[in-house]
Each structure stands twice: as structure tokens, then as C-alpha cells.
């Protein structure tokens, strides 16, 4: 159970708060608010989106707008076949170039 004082945002919140030019944009407000970001678990799908610069949901929109002078950590969680896939290696190199810190999985 999530404590009552914890606010949970969803993809729907990204669009429901914005009505007109000048209204706050949730992923920008979250980017400003956060001093650090940790994505755990990081799926192969989300890893690929981040590496490719895609931003089709609230999480990837925050990452796309992130100030990379602030720490961003990712903890991948996927099966061994996905982890050992050549695409995963390429994606990890791409996010490393952005300064994203990898918390490696237990193998």
C-alpha cells in the first residue's frame, strides 16, 4: 500500500493538467523538482526508448527533458537473453554517453 502522503503521477496526469499555453507541463515540473532520478526496474523496452530519445509516456518525457548535470541512475531488470542481446549493449553505450549511471543487474 502506498502511504497517503505519497503522490503518484500517471501518463494521464501529463495531459490532464495542461489546457492552454502557459499552463504548467508535468514532465517539466517534475524535472525541475527532482534532484536525482532512479529508474528501477528499467525494462528493455524503456531502455531502448531512452537510448533512442523517444518520449511517449510520462517517464520517458521526464528523461528526455532531464538536466544531465543532475544524477540519473538506472537499474535494468530483464531476462538473460534480453540482457545479452546486442541491442542492449548499444543502448547501454548510448545512455552512458548521456551520463546516466548504470546499476548493473546481478548475474
PDB file of N, CA and C in Angstrom:
ATOM      1  N   UNK A   1       0.834  -1.182   0.000  1.00  0.00           N
ATOM      2  CA  UNK A   1       0.000   0.000   0.000  1.00  0.00           C
ATOM      3  C   UNK A   1       0.879   1.246   0.000  1.00  0.00           C
ATOM      4  N   UNK A   2       0.494   2.197  -0.819  1.00  0.00           N
ATOM      5  CA  UNK A   2       1.231   3.455  -0.907  1.00  0.00           C
ATOM      6  C   UNK A   2       0.757   4.386   0.208  1.00  0.00           C
ATOM      7  N   UNK A   3       1.690   4.979   0.959  1.00  0.00           N
ATOM      8  CA  UNK A   3       1.294   5.905   2.029  1.00  0.00           C
ATOM      9  C   UNK A   3       0.461   7.072   1.487  1.00  0.00           C
ATOM     10  N   UNK A   4      -0.420   7.593   2.312  1.00  0.00           N
ATOM     11  CA  UNK A   4      -1.323   8.668   1.906  1.00  0.00           C
ATOM     12  C   UNK A   4      -0.600   9.939   1.468  1.00  0.00           C
ATOM     13  N   UNK A   5       0.582  10.192   2.017  1.00  0.00           N
ATOM     14  CA  UNK A   5       1.282  11.432   1.687  1.00  0.00           C
ATOM     15  C   UNK A   5       2.163  11.319   0.436  1.00  0.00           C
ATOM     16  N   UNK A   6       2.136  10.182  -0.238  1.00  0.00           N
ATOM     17  CA  UNK A   6       2.904   9.986  -1.465  1.00  0.00           C
ATOM     18  C   UNK A   6       2.003  10.273  -2.663  1.00  0.00           C
ATOM     19  N   UNK A   7       2.476  11.146  -3.541  1.00  0.00           N
ATOM     20  CA  UNK A   7       1.722  11.473  -4.751  1.00  0.00           C
ATOM     21  C   UNK A   7       2.234  10.590  -5.881  1.00  0.00           C
ATOM     22  N   UNK A   8       1.328   9.929  -6.556  1.00  0.00           N
ATOM     23  CA  UNK A   8       1.672   9.078  -7.691  1.00  0.00           C
ATOM     24  C   UNK A   8       1.129   9.741  -8.953  1.00  0.00           C
ATOM     25  N   UNK A   9       2.003   9.961  -9.926  1.00  0.00           N
ATOM     26  CA  UNK A   9       1.594  10.539 -11.199  1.00  0.00           C
ATOM     27  C   UNK A   9       1.530   9.444 -12.254  1.00  0.00           C
ATOM     28  N   UNK A  10       0.606   9.575 -13.178  1.00  0.00           N
ATOM     29  CA  UNK A  10       0.453   8.620 -14.274  1.00  0.00           C
ATOM     30  C   UNK A  10       0.550   9.356 -15.601  1.00  0.00           C
ATOM     31  N   UNK A  11       0.592   8.598 -16.681  1.00  0.00           N
ATOM     32  CA  UNK A  11       0.615   9.204 -18.014  1.00  0.00           C
ATOM     33  C   UNK A  11      -0.579  10.132 -18.212  1.00  0.00           C
ATOM     34  N   UNK A  12      -1.724   9.745 -17.689  1.00  0.00           N
ATOM     35  CA  UNK A  12      -2.932  10.568 -17.831  1.00  0.00           C
ATOM     36  C   UNK A  12      -2.744  11.951 -17.203  1.00  0.00           C
ATOM     37  N   UNK A  13      -2.018  12.017 -16.098  1.00  0.00           N
ATOM     38  CA  UNK A  13      -1.771  13.303 -15.431  1.00  0.00           C
ATOM     39  C   UNK A  13      -0.964  14.252 -16.312  1.00  0.00           C
ATOM     40  N   UNK A  14      -0.114  13.705 -17.159  1.00  0.00           N
ATOM     41  CA  UNK A  14       0.702  14.527 -18.058  1.00  0.00           C
ATOM     42  C   UNK A  14      -0.180  15.424 -18.913  1.00  0.00           C
ATOM     43  N   UNK A  15      -1.284  14.895 -19.383  1.00  0.00           N
ATOM     44  CA  UNK A  15      -2.145  15.649 -20.308  1.00  0.00           C
ATOM     45  C   UNK A  15      -3.301  16.336 -19.609  1.00  0.00           C
ATOM     46  N   UNK A  16      -3.757  15.823 -18.483  1.00  0.00           N
ATOM     47  CA  UNK A  16      -4.933  16.403 -17.830  1.00  0.00           C
ATOM     48  C   UNK A  16      -4.635  17.758 -17.187  1.00  0.00           C
ATOM     49  N   UNK A  17      -3.379  18.033 -16.855  1.00  0.00           N
ATOM     50  CA  UNK A  17      -3.020  19.298 -16.210  1.00  0.00           C
ATOM     51  C   UNK A  17      -2.847  20.438 -17.200  1.00  0.00           C
ATOM     52  N   UNK A  18      -2.701  20.110 -18.468  1.00  0.00           N
ATOM     53  CA  UNK A  18      -2.387  21.132 -19.466  1.00  0.00           C
ATOM     54  C   UNK A  18      -3.630  21.441 -20.280  1.00  0.00           C
ATOM     55  N   UNK A  19      -4.031  22.694 -20.282  1.00  0.00           N
ATOM     56  CA  UNK A  19      -5.232  23.105 -21.013  1.00  0.00           C
ATOM     57  C   UNK A  19      -4.936  24.186 -22.056  1.00  0.00           C
ATOM     58  N   UNK A  20      -3.995  25.085 -21.725  1.00  0.00           N
ATOM     59  CA  UNK A  20      -3.708  26.204 -22.622  1.00  0.00           C
ATOM     60  C   UNK A  20      -2.237  26.608 -22.482  1.00  0.00           C
ATOM     61  N   UNK A  21      -1.773  27.389 -23.431  1.00  0.00           N
ATOM     62  CA  UNK A  21      -0.405  27.888 -23.383  1.00  0.00           C
ATOM     63  C   UNK A  21      -0.208  28.648 -22.073  1.00  0.00           C
ATOM     64  N   UNK A  22       0.872  28.354 -21.410  1.00  0.00           N
ATOM     65  CA  UNK A  22       1.172  28.981 -20.132  1.00  0.00           C
ATOM     66  C   UNK A  22       0.900  28.080 -18.943  1.00  0.00           C
ATOM     67  N   UNK A  23       0.062  27.051 -19.144  1.00  0.00           N
ATOM     68  CA  UNK A  23      -0.176  26.091 -18.064  1.00  0.00           C
ATOM     69  C   UNK A  23       1.093  25.282 -17.829  1.00  0.00           C
ATOM     70  N   UNK A  24       1.268  24.812 -16.603  1.00  0.00           N
ATOM     71  CA  UNK A  24       2.447  24.004 -16.307  1.00  0.00           C
ATOM     72  C   UNK A  24       2.363  22.663 -17.031  1.00  0.00           C
ATOM     73  N   UNK A  25       3.518  22.144 -17.373  1.00  0.00           N
ATOM     74  CA  UNK A  25       3.636  20.848 -18.041  1.00  0.00           C
ATOM     75  C   UNK A  25       4.277  19.902 -17.030  1.00  0.00           C
ATOM     76  N   UNK A  26       3.596  18.800 -16.725  1.00  0.00           N
ATOM     77  CA  UNK A  26       4.003  17.936 -15.624  1.00  0.00           C
ATOM     78  C   UNK A  26       5.436  17.437 -15.759  1.00  0.00           C
ATOM     79  N   UNK A  27       5.838  16.954 -16.934  1.00  0.00           N
ATOM     80  CA  UNK A  27       7.193  16.399 -17.019  1.00  0.00           C
ATOM     81  C   UNK A  27       8.260  17.477 -16.818  1.00  0.00           C
ATOM     82  N   UNK A  28       7.958  18.710 -17.168  1.00  0.00           N
ATOM     83  CA  UNK A  28       8.904  19.806 -16.923  1.00  0.00           C
ATOM     84  C   UNK A  28       8.939  20.146 -15.434  1.00  0.00           C
ATOM     85  N   UNK A  29       7.781  20.164 -14.802  1.00  0.00           N
ATOM     86  CA  UNK A  29       7.729  20.442 -13.362  1.00  0.00           C
ATOM     87  C   UNK A  29       8.451  19.353 -12.569  1.00  0.00           C
ATOM     88  N   UNK A  30       8.277  18.100 -12.960  1.00  0.00           N
ATOM     89  CA  UNK A  30       8.975  17.007 -12.276  1.00  0.00           C
ATOM     90  C   UNK A  30      10.479  17.106 -12.484  1.00  0.00           C
ATOM     91  N   UNK A  31      10.901  17.485 -13.678  1.00  0.00           N
ATOM     92  CA  UNK A  31      12.320  17.671 -13.978  1.00  0.00           C
ATOM     93  C   UNK A  31      12.913  18.742 -13.074  1.00  0.00           C
ATOM     94  N   UNK A  32      12.194  19.831 -12.908  1.00  0.00           N
ATOM     95  CA  UNK A  32      12.676  20.919 -12.049  1.00  0.00           C
ATOM     96  C   UNK A  32      12.710  20.503 -10.580  1.00  0.00           C
ATOM     97  N   UNK A  33      11.689  19.783 -10.158  1.00  0.00           N
ATOM     98  CA  UNK A  33      11.532  19.408  -8.752  1.00  0.00           C
ATOM     99  C   UNK A  33      12.590  18.406  -8.292  1.00  0.00           C
ATOM    100  N   UNK A  34      12.909  17.441  -9.130  1.00  0.00           N
ATOM    101  CA  UNK A  34      13.775  16.327  -8.723  1.00  0.00           C
ATOM    102  C   UNK A  34      15.249  16.728  -8.701  1.00  0.00           C
ATOM    103  N   UNK A  35      15.939  16.300  -7.662  1.00  0.00           N
ATOM    104  CA  UNK A  35      17.386  16.485  -7.569  1.00  0.00           C
ATOM    105  C   UNK A  35      18.130  15.279  -8.124  1.00  0.00           C
ATOM    106  N   UNK A  36      17.432  14.164  -8.204  1.00  0.00           N
ATOM    107  CA  UNK A  36      18.011  12.895  -8.644  1.00  0.00           C
ATOM    108  C   UNK A  36      16.875  12.053  -9.217  1.00  0.00           C
ATOM    109  N   UNK A  37      17.205  11.171 -10.145  1.00  0.00           N
ATOM    110  CA  UNK A  37      16.203  10.239 -10.655  1.00  0.00           C
ATOM    111  C   UNK A  37      16.791   8.835 -10.636  1.00  0.00           C
ATOM    112  N   UNK A  38      15.972   7.883 -10.201  1.00  0.00           N
ATOM    113  CA  UNK A  38      16.329   6.468 -10.220  1.00  0.00           C
ATOM    114  C   UNK A  38      15.199   5.741 -10.929  1.00  0.00           C
ATOM    115  N   UNK A  39      15.546   5.005 -11.970  1.00  0.00           N
ATOM    116  CA  UNK A  39      14.556   4.199 -12.685  1.00  0.00           C
ATOM    117  C   UNK A  39      14.861   2.744 -12.375  1.00  0.00           C
ATOM    118  N   UNK A  40      14.004   2.154 -11.563  1.00  0.00           N
ATOM    119  CA  UNK A  40      14.195   0.768 -11.141  1.00  0.00           C
ATOM    120  C   UNK A  40      12.828   0.128 -10.940  1.00  0.00           C
ATOM    121  N   UNK A  41      12.556  -0.934 -11.589  1.00  0.00           N
ATOM    122  CA  UNK A  41      13.389  -1.599 -12.587  1.00  0.00           C
ATOM    123  C   UNK A  41      13.285  -0.893 -13.936  1.00  0.00           C
ATOM    124  N   UNK A  42      14.342  -0.979 -14.701  1.00  0.00           N
ATOM    125  CA  UNK A  42      14.372  -0.453 -16.064  1.00  0.00           C
ATOM    126  C   UNK A  42      14.184  -1.619 -17.019  1.00  0.00           C
ATOM    127  N   UNK A  43      13.088  -1.615 -17.757  1.00  0.00           N
ATOM    128  CA  UNK A  43      12.829  -2.694 -18.716  1.00  0.00           C
ATOM    129  C   UNK A  43      13.665  -2.489 -19.977  1.00  0.00           C
ATOM    130  N   UNK A  44      13.809  -3.543 -20.756  1.00  0.00           N
ATOM    131  CA  UNK A  44      14.497  -3.446 -22.044  1.00  0.00           C
ATOM    132  C   UNK A  44      13.767  -2.455 -22.947  1.00  0.00           C
ATOM    133  N   UNK A  45      12.453  -2.437 -22.870  1.00  0.00           N
ATOM    134  CA  UNK A  45      11.656  -1.525 -23.682  1.00  0.00           C
ATOM    135  C   UNK A  45      11.962  -0.064 -23.338  1.00  0.00           C
ATOM    136  N   UNK A  46      11.955   0.256 -22.054  1.00  0.00           N
ATOM    137  CA  UNK A  46      12.222   1.637 -21.647  1.00  0.00           C
ATOM    138  C   UNK A  46      13.674   2.008 -21.906  1.00  0.00           C
ATOM    139  N   UNK A  47      14.597   1.075 -21.732  1.00  0.00           N
ATOM    140  CA  UNK A  47      15.997   1.320 -22.075  1.00  0.00           C
ATOM    141  C   UNK A  47      16.114   1.714 -23.542  1.00  0.00           C
ATOM    142  N   UNK A  48      15.465   0.962 -24.414  1.00  0.00           N
ATOM    143  CA  UNK A  48      15.504   1.271 -25.840  1.00  0.00           C
ATOM    144  C   UNK A  48      14.914   2.637 -26.152  1.00  0.00           C
ATOM    145  N   UNK A  49      13.817   2.976 -25.485  1.00  0.00           N
ATOM    146  CA  UNK A  49      13.194   4.286 -25.700  1.00  0.00           C
ATOM    147  C   UNK A  49      14.131   5.413 -25.282  1.00  0.00           C
ATOM    148  N   UNK A  50      14.739   5.272 -24.105  1.00  0.00           N
ATOM    149  CA  UNK A  50      15.647   6.312 -23.623  1.00  0.00           C
ATOM    150  C   UNK A  50      16.845   6.442 -24.561  1.00  0.00           C
ATOM    151  N   UNK A  51      17.429   5.317 -24.957  1.00  0.00           N
ATOM    152  CA  UNK A  51      18.598   5.337 -25.846  1.00  0.00           C
ATOM    153  C   UNK A  51      18.261   5.976 -27.186  1.00  0.00           C
ATOM    154  N   UNK A  52      17.029   5.794 -27.642  1.00  0.00           N
ATOM    155  CA  UNK A  52      16.609   6.358 -28.922  1.00  0.00           C
ATOM    156  C   UNK A  52      16.013   7.748 -28.828  1.00  0.00           C
ATOM    157  N   UNK A  53      15.903   8.279 -27.613  1.00  0.00           N
ATOM    158  CA  UNK A  53      15.349   9.613 -27.438  1.00  0.00           C
ATOM    159  C   UNK A  53      13.840   9.680 -27.529  1.00  0.00           C
ATOM    160  N   UNK A  54      13.177   8.531 -27.453  1.00  0.00           N
ATOM    161  CA  UNK A  54      11.719   8.517 -27.544  1.00  0.00           C
ATOM    162  C   UNK A  54      11.104   8.987 -26.233  1.00  0.00           C
ATOM    163  N   UNK A  55       9.973   9.645 -26.342  1.00  0.00           N
ATOM    164  CA  UNK A  55       9.306  10.145 -25.129  1.00  0.00           C
ATOM    165  C   UNK A  55       7.796  10.066 -25.330  1.00  0.00           C
ATOM    166  N   UNK A  56       7.271   8.861 -25.200  1.00  0.00           N
ATOM    167  CA  UNK A  56       5.846   8.630 -25.449  1.00  0.00           C
ATOM    168  C   UNK A  56       5.047   8.365 -24.181  1.00  0.00           C
ATOM    169  N   UNK A  57       5.646   8.617 -23.023  1.00  0.00           N
ATOM    170  CA  UNK A  57       4.929   8.483 -21.754  1.00  0.00           C
ATOM    171  C   UNK A  57       5.556   9.452 -20.748  1.00  0.00           C
ATOM    172  N   UNK A  58       4.973   9.531 -19.572  1.00  0.00           N
ATOM    173  CA  UNK A  58       5.455  10.500 -18.585  1.00  0.00           C
ATOM    174  C   UNK A  58       6.909  10.253 -18.204  1.00  0.00           C
ATOM    175  N   UNK A  59       7.267   9.010 -17.926  1.00  0.00           N
ATOM    176  CA  UNK A  59       8.641   8.706 -17.519  1.00  0.00           C
ATOM    177  C   UNK A  59       9.649   9.100 -18.594  1.00  0.00           C
ATOM    178  N   UNK A  60       9.423   8.661 -19.822  1.00  0.00           N
ATOM    179  CA  UNK A  60      10.399   8.952 -20.877  1.00  0.00           C
ATOM    180  C   UNK A  60      10.407  10.436 -21.244  1.00  0.00           C
ATOM    181  N   UNK A  61       9.294  11.130 -21.014  1.00  0.00           N
ATOM    182  CA  UNK A  61       9.279  12.583 -21.236  1.00  0.00           C
ATOM    183  C   UNK A  61      10.134  13.300 -20.196  1.00  0.00           C
ATOM    184  N   UNK A  62      10.077  12.846 -18.948  1.00  0.00           N
ATOM    185  CA  UNK A  62      10.941  13.432 -17.911  1.00  0.00           C
ATOM    186  C   UNK A  62      12.400  13.178 -18.264  1.00  0.00           C
ATOM    187  N   UNK A  63      12.720  11.961 -18.683  1.00  0.00           N
ATOM    188  CA  UNK A  63      14.103  11.630 -19.043  1.00  0.00           C
ATOM    189  C   UNK A  63      14.566  12.481 -20.223  1.00  0.00           C
ATOM    190  N   UNK A  64      13.714  12.655 -21.221  1.00  0.00           N
ATOM    191  CA  UNK A  64      14.078  13.446 -22.403  1.00  0.00           C
ATOM    192  C   UNK A  64      14.357  14.905 -22.030  1.00  0.00           C
ATOM    193  N   UNK A  65      13.636  15.419 -21.033  1.00  0.00           N
ATOM    194  CA  UNK A  65      13.808  16.810 -20.606  1.00  0.00           C
ATOM    195  C   UNK A  65      14.825  16.956 -19.469  1.00  0.00           C
ATOM    196  N   UNK A  66      15.387  15.845 -18.997  1.00  0.00           N
ATOM    197  CA  UNK A  66      16.235  15.830 -17.805  1.00  0.00           C
ATOM    198  C   UNK A  66      17.448  16.744 -17.946  1.00  0.00           C
ATOM    199  N   UNK A  67      17.836  17.363 -16.849  1.00  0.00           N
ATOM    200  CA  UNK A  67      19.061  18.147 -16.746  1.00  0.00           C
ATOM    201  C   UNK A  67      20.170  17.170 -16.358  1.00  0.00           C
ATOM    202  N   UNK A  68      21.004  16.789 -17.311  1.00  0.00           N
ATOM    203  CA  UNK A  68      22.000  15.741 -17.072  1.00  0.00           C
ATOM    204  C   UNK A  68      23.165  16.190 -16.196  1.00  0.00           C
ATOM    205  N   UNK A  69      23.101  17.424 -15.669  1.00  0.00           N
ATOM    206  CA  UNK A  69      24.066  17.786 -14.628  1.00  0.00           C
ATOM    207  C   UNK A  69      23.608  17.216 -13.281  1.00  0.00           C
ATOM    208  N   UNK A  70      22.354  16.726 -13.230  1.00  0.00           N
ATOM    209  CA  UNK A  70      21.824  16.057 -12.034  1.00  0.00           C
ATOM    210  C   UNK A  70      21.905  14.548 -12.256  1.00  0.00           C
ATOM    211  N   UNK A  71      22.139  13.776 -11.188  1.00  0.00           N
ATOM    212  CA  UNK A  71      22.311  12.330 -11.351  1.00  0.00           C
ATOM    213  C   UNK A  71      21.043  11.612 -11.800  1.00  0.00           C
ATOM    214  N   UNK A  72      21.245  10.656 -12.685  1.00  0.00           N
ATOM    215  CA  UNK A  72      20.175   9.764 -13.135  1.00  0.00           C
ATOM    216  C   UNK A  72      20.744   8.350 -13.121  1.00  0.00           C
ATOM    217  N   UNK A  73      20.110   7.475 -12.366  1.00  0.00           N
ATOM    218  CA  UNK A  73      20.543   6.084 -12.225  1.00  0.00           C
ATOM    219  C   UNK A  73      19.488   5.168 -12.823  1.00  0.00           C
ATOM    220  N   UNK A  74      19.937   4.096 -13.457  1.00  0.00           N
ATOM    221  CA  UNK A  74      19.016   3.080 -13.964  1.00  0.00           C
ATOM    222  C   UNK A  74      19.460   1.710 -13.471  1.00  0.00           C
ATOM    223  N   UNK A  75      18.472   0.888 -13.141  1.00  0.00           N
ATOM    224  CA  UNK A  75      18.726  -0.478 -12.677  1.00  0.00           C
ATOM    225  C   UNK A  75      17.943  -1.427 -13.577  1.00  0.00           C
ATOM    226  N   UNK A  76      18.593  -1.931 -14.632  1.00  0.00           N
ATOM    227  CA  UNK A  76      17.893  -2.810 -15.569  1.00  0.00           C
ATOM    228  C   UNK A  76      17.425  -4.106 -14.919  1.00  0.00           C
ATOM    229  N   UNK A  77      16.282  -4.564 -15.393  1.00  0.00           N
ATOM    230  CA  UNK A  77      15.740  -5.859 -14.972  1.00  0.00           C
ATOM    231  C   UNK A  77      15.133  -6.514 -16.200  1.00  0.00           C
ATOM    232  N   UNK A  78      15.769  -7.581 -16.643  1.00  0.00           N
ATOM    233  CA  UNK A  78      15.289  -8.303 -17.828  1.00  0.00           C
ATOM    234  C   UNK A  78      15.897  -9.694 -17.799  1.00  0.00           C
ATOM    235  N   UNK A  79      15.368 -10.577 -18.628  1.00  0.00           N
ATOM    236  CA  UNK A  79      15.918 -11.930 -18.640  1.00  0.00           C
ATOM    237  C   UNK A  79      17.301 -11.936 -19.297  1.00  0.00           C
ATOM    238  N   UNK A  80      18.028 -13.012 -19.094  1.00  0.00           N
ATOM    239  CA  UNK A  80      19.410 -13.119 -19.569  1.00  0.00           C
ATOM    240  C   UNK A  80      19.522 -12.957 -21.077  1.00  0.00           C
ATOM    241  N   UNK A  81      18.581 -13.509 -21.822  1.00  0.00           N
ATOM    242  CA  UNK A  81      18.636 -13.402 -23.279  1.00  0.00           C
ATOM    243  C   UNK A  81      18.511 -11.947 -23.721  1.00  0.00           C
ATOM    244  N   UNK A  82      17.633 -11.205 -23.077  1.00  0.00           N
ATOM    245  CA  UNK A  82      17.476  -9.787 -23.409  1.00  0.00           C
ATOM    246  C   UNK A  82      18.704  -8.991 -22.972  1.00  0.00           C
ATOM    247  N   UNK A  83      19.225  -9.294 -21.789  1.00  0.00           N
ATOM    248  CA  UNK A  83      20.406  -8.586 -21.285  1.00  0.00           C
ATOM    249  C   UNK A  83      21.603  -8.795 -22.208  1.00  0.00           C
ATOM    250  N   UNK A  84      21.766 -10.004 -22.744  1.00  0.00           N
ATOM    251  CA  UNK A  84      22.908 -10.324 -23.603  1.00  0.00           C
ATOM    252  C   UNK A  84      22.691  -9.966 -25.065  1.00  0.00           C
ATOM    253  N   UNK A  85      21.564  -9.400 -25.408  1.00  0.00           N
ATOM    254  CA  UNK A  85      21.259  -9.025 -26.785  1.00  0.00           C
ATOM    255  C   UNK A  85      22.144  -7.854 -27.224  1.00  0.00           C
ATOM    256  N   UNK A  86      22.635  -7.875 -28.466  1.00  0.00           N
ATOM    257  CA  UNK A  86      23.483  -6.774 -28.951  1.00  0.00           C
ATOM    258  C   UNK A  86      22.811  -5.399 -28.870  1.00  0.00           C
ATOM    259  N   UNK A  87      21.488  -5.356 -29.017  1.00  0.00           N
ATOM    260  CA  UNK A  87      20.800  -4.071 -28.888  1.00  0.00           C
ATOM    261  C   UNK A  87      20.962  -3.497 -27.483  1.00  0.00           C
ATOM    262  N   UNK A  88      20.915  -4.358 -26.476  1.00  0.00           N
ATOM    263  CA  UNK A  88      21.068  -3.890 -25.096  1.00  0.00           C
ATOM    264  C   UNK A  88      22.429  -3.242 -24.914  1.00  0.00           C
ATOM    265  N   UNK A  89      23.462  -3.862 -25.448  1.00  0.00           N
ATOM    266  CA  UNK A  89      24.805  -3.284 -25.352  1.00  0.00           C
ATOM    267  C   UNK A  89      24.856  -1.910 -26.010  1.00  0.00           C
ATOM    268  N   UNK A  90      24.268  -1.781 -27.195  1.00  0.00           N
ATOM    269  CA  UNK A  90      24.238  -0.483 -27.888  1.00  0.00           C
ATOM    270  C   UNK A  90      23.458   0.552 -27.082  1.00  0.00           C
ATOM    271  N   UNK A  91      22.327   0.129 -26.535  1.00  0.00           N
ATOM    272  CA  UNK A  91      21.514   1.058 -25.749  1.00  0.00           C
ATOM    273  C   UNK A  91      22.249   1.512 -24.494  1.00  0.00           C
ATOM    274  N   UNK A  92      22.951   0.592 -23.837  1.00  0.00           N
ATOM    275  CA  UNK A  92      23.716   0.954 -22.641  1.00  0.00           C
ATOM    276  C   UNK A  92      24.840   1.935 -22.978  1.00  0.00           C
ATOM    277  N   UNK A  93      25.478   1.760 -24.121  1.00  0.00           N
ATOM    278  CA  UNK A  93      26.516   2.704 -24.540  1.00  0.00           C
ATOM    279  C   UNK A  93      25.909   4.082 -24.790  1.00  0.00           C
ATOM    280  N   UNK A  94      24.731   4.110 -25.397  1.00  0.00           N
ATOM    281  CA  UNK A  94      24.066   5.390 -25.677  1.00  0.00           C
ATOM    282  C   UNK A  94      23.727   6.143 -24.402  1.00  0.00           C
ATOM    283  N   UNK A  95      23.173   5.436 -23.417  1.00  0.00           N
ATOM    284  CA  UNK A  95      22.801   6.148 -22.188  1.00  0.00           C
ATOM    285  C   UNK A  95      24.034   6.524 -21.368  1.00  0.00           C
ATOM    286  N   UNK A  96      25.107   5.742 -21.489  1.00  0.00           N
ATOM    287  CA  UNK A  96      26.357   6.090 -20.814  1.00  0.00           C
ATOM    288  C   UNK A  96      26.890   7.416 -21.349  1.00  0.00           C
ATOM    289  N   UNK A  97      26.752   7.641 -22.649  1.00  0.00           N
ATOM    290  CA  UNK A  97      27.197   8.897 -23.259  1.00  0.00           C
ATOM    291  C   UNK A  97      26.428  10.094 -22.711  1.00  0.00           C
ATOM    292  N   UNK A  98      25.206   9.868 -22.250  1.00  0.00           N
ATOM    293  CA  UNK A  98      24.409  10.939 -21.651  1.00  0.00           C
ATOM    294  C   UNK A  98      24.807  11.204 -20.201  1.00  0.00           C
ATOM    295  N   UNK A  99      25.590  10.304 -19.626  1.00  0.00           N
ATOM    296  CA  UNK A  99      25.977  10.444 -18.229  1.00  0.00           C
ATOM    297  C   UNK A  99      25.056   9.719 -17.269  1.00  0.00           C
ATOM    298  N   UNK A 100      24.208   8.848 -17.809  1.00  0.00           N
ATOM    299  CA  UNK A 100      23.317   8.050 -16.969  1.00  0.00           C
ATOM    300  C   UNK A 100      24.138   6.935 -16.330  1.00  0.00           C
ATOM    301  N   UNK A 101      23.975   6.754 -15.025  1.00  0.00           N
ATOM    302  CA  UNK A 101      24.739   5.754 -14.283  1.00  0.00           C
ATOM    303  C   UNK A 101      23.980   4.438 -14.224  1.00  0.00           C
ATOM    304  N   UNK A 102      24.655   3.377 -14.601  1.00  0.00           N
ATOM    305  CA  UNK A 102      24.086   2.031 -14.601  1.00  0.00           C
ATOM    306  C   UNK A 102      24.319   1.364 -13.249  1.00  0.00           C
ATOM    307  N   UNK A 103      23.261   0.849 -12.669  1.00  0.00           N
ATOM    308  CA  UNK A 103      23.358  -0.041 -11.515  1.00  0.00           C
ATOM    309  C   UNK A 103      23.171  -1.432 -12.101  1.00  0.00           C
ATOM    310  N   UNK A 104      24.257  -2.181 -12.300  1.00  0.00           N
ATOM    311  CA  UNK A 104      24.158  -3.433 -13.057  1.00  0.00           C
ATOM    312  C   UNK A 104      23.332  -4.498 -12.343  1.00  0.00           C
ATOM    313  N   UNK A 105      22.703  -5.354 -13.145  1.00  0.00           N
ATOM    314  CA  UNK A 105      21.924  -6.442 -12.550  1.00  0.00           C
ATOM    315  C   UNK A 105      22.840  -7.509 -11.965  1.00  0.00           C
ATOM    316  N   UNK A 106      22.293  -8.291 -11.075  1.00  0.00           N
ATOM    317  CA  UNK A 106      23.014  -9.436 -10.528  1.00  0.00           C
ATOM    318  C   UNK A 106      22.968 -10.524 -11.588  1.00  0.00           C
ATOM    319  N   UNK A 107      24.131 -11.080 -11.903  1.00  0.00           N
ATOM    320  CA  UNK A 107      24.161 -12.125 -12.941  1.00  0.00           C
ATOM    321  C   UNK A 107      24.569 -13.452 -12.351  1.00  0.00           C
TER     322      UNK A 107
END
